Amino acid sequence: MKSPPTTKACKVSDVVVKPVLAVRVKALRINISQANEVAFVQAVAASQAEIWLADNQGALESSSHFVEMRGLPLAKFRHF
């Protein structure tokens, strides 16, 4: 996965990390800010995908029902 673009304007916030994890992060020289940003990007994407799926569930079910009843549109032109 590609890392998120960095910007000069960032929101500063405190992050609480379990002591055992903090020791491992420090030992592995992981950039906590960058790791958090990647995790936030992934969490936002997952939440947006979940919302999109819920918002479009009716359309997806309708499309699937159409294909079940009538088959794929233009299926006769498929050569595989």
Protein backbone atom coordinates (compact mmCIF):
# COMPACT_ATOMS: atom_id res chain seq x y z
CA MET A 1 0.00 0.00 0.00
CA LYS A 2 1.22 3.43 -0.86
CA SER A 3 1.75 5.77 2.06
CA PRO A 4 -0.59 8.74 2.39
CA PRO A 5 0.55 12.09 1.08
CA THR A 6 2.10 14.26 3.71
CA THR A 7 1.01 17.84 4.12
CA LYS A 8 2.56 20.70 5.97
CA ALA A 9 -0.67 21.40 7.85
CA CYS A 10 -1.20 18.57 10.32
CA LYS A 11 -3.39 18.32 13.39
CA VAL A 12 -1.37 17.57 16.49
CA SER A 13 -2.94 15.05 18.85
CA ASP A 14 -1.90 12.81 21.68
CA VAL A 15 -1.95 9.07 21.15
CA VAL A 16 -2.19 6.56 23.96
CA VAL A 17 -0.10 3.43 23.41
CA LYS A 18 0.25 0.42 25.68
CA PRO A 19 3.70 0.36 27.29
CA VAL A 20 4.65 -3.01 25.80
CA LEU A 21 3.75 -1.79 22.34
CA ALA A 22 5.60 1.49 22.86
CA VAL A 23 8.79 -0.43 23.70
CA ARG A 24 8.47 -2.56 20.55
CA VAL A 25 7.75 0.47 18.37
CA LYS A 26 10.79 2.27 19.73
CA ALA A 27 13.01 -0.82 19.31
CA LEU A 28 11.89 -1.22 15.70
CA ARG A 29 12.32 2.52 15.07
CA ILE A 30 8.79 2.85 13.71
CA ASN A 31 7.56 6.37 13.09
CA ILE A 32 4.42 6.48 15.26
CA SER A 33 2.94 9.49 13.46
CA GLN A 34 3.33 7.88 10.06
CA ALA A 35 2.02 4.52 11.29
CA ASN A 36 -1.02 6.22 12.84
CA GLU A 37 -1.71 8.16 9.65
CA VAL A 38 -1.63 4.95 7.59
CA ALA A 39 -3.95 3.25 10.09
CA PHE A 40 -6.35 6.22 10.01
CA VAL A 41 -6.42 6.21 6.21
CA GLN A 42 -7.24 2.49 6.24
CA ALA A 43 -9.93 2.91 8.91
CA VAL A 44 -11.56 5.79 7.03
CA ALA A 45 -11.53 3.81 3.76
CA ALA A 46 -13.07 0.78 5.47
CA SER A 47 -15.79 2.92 7.08
CA GLN A 48 -16.56 4.67 3.79
CA ALA A 49 -16.78 1.31 1.99
CA GLU A 50 -19.17 0.01 4.64
CA ILE A 51 -21.36 3.12 4.35
CA TRP A 52 -21.33 2.91 0.52
CA LEU A 53 -22.38 -0.73 0.65
CA ALA A 54 -25.24 0.04 3.05
CA ASP A 55 -26.37 3.00 0.94
CA ASN A 56 -26.29 0.99 -2.29
CA GLN A 57 -27.53 -2.38 -1.01
CA GLY A 58 -30.92 -1.96 -2.69
CA ALA A 59 -29.38 -1.19 -6.08
CA LEU A 60 -27.00 -4.14 -5.81
CA GLU A 61 -29.83 -6.52 -4.92
CA SER A 62 -31.96 -5.14 -7.77
CA SER A 63 -29.14 -5.63 -10.26
CA SER A 64 -28.50 -9.17 -9.05
CA HIS A 65 -32.23 -9.97 -9.29
CA PHE A 66 -32.33 -8.59 -12.85
CA VAL A 67 -29.41 -10.83 -13.89
CA GLU A 68 -30.98 -13.86 -12.20
CA MET A 69 -34.27 -13.31 -14.03
CA ARG A 70 -33.00 -12.19 -17.45
CA GLY A 71 -29.33 -13.16 -17.62
CA LEU A 72 -26.46 -10.83 -18.38
CA PRO A 73 -27.19 -8.05 -20.85
CA LEU A 74 -25.34 -8.64 -24.12
CA ALA A 75 -24.31 -12.14 -22.95
CA LYS A 76 -24.61 -13.44 -26.49
CA PHE A 77 -21.59 -11.31 -27.46
CA ARG A 78 -19.32 -12.81 -24.77
CA HIS A 79 -16.74 -15.22 -26.18
CA PHE A 80 -15.42 -16.70 -22.95
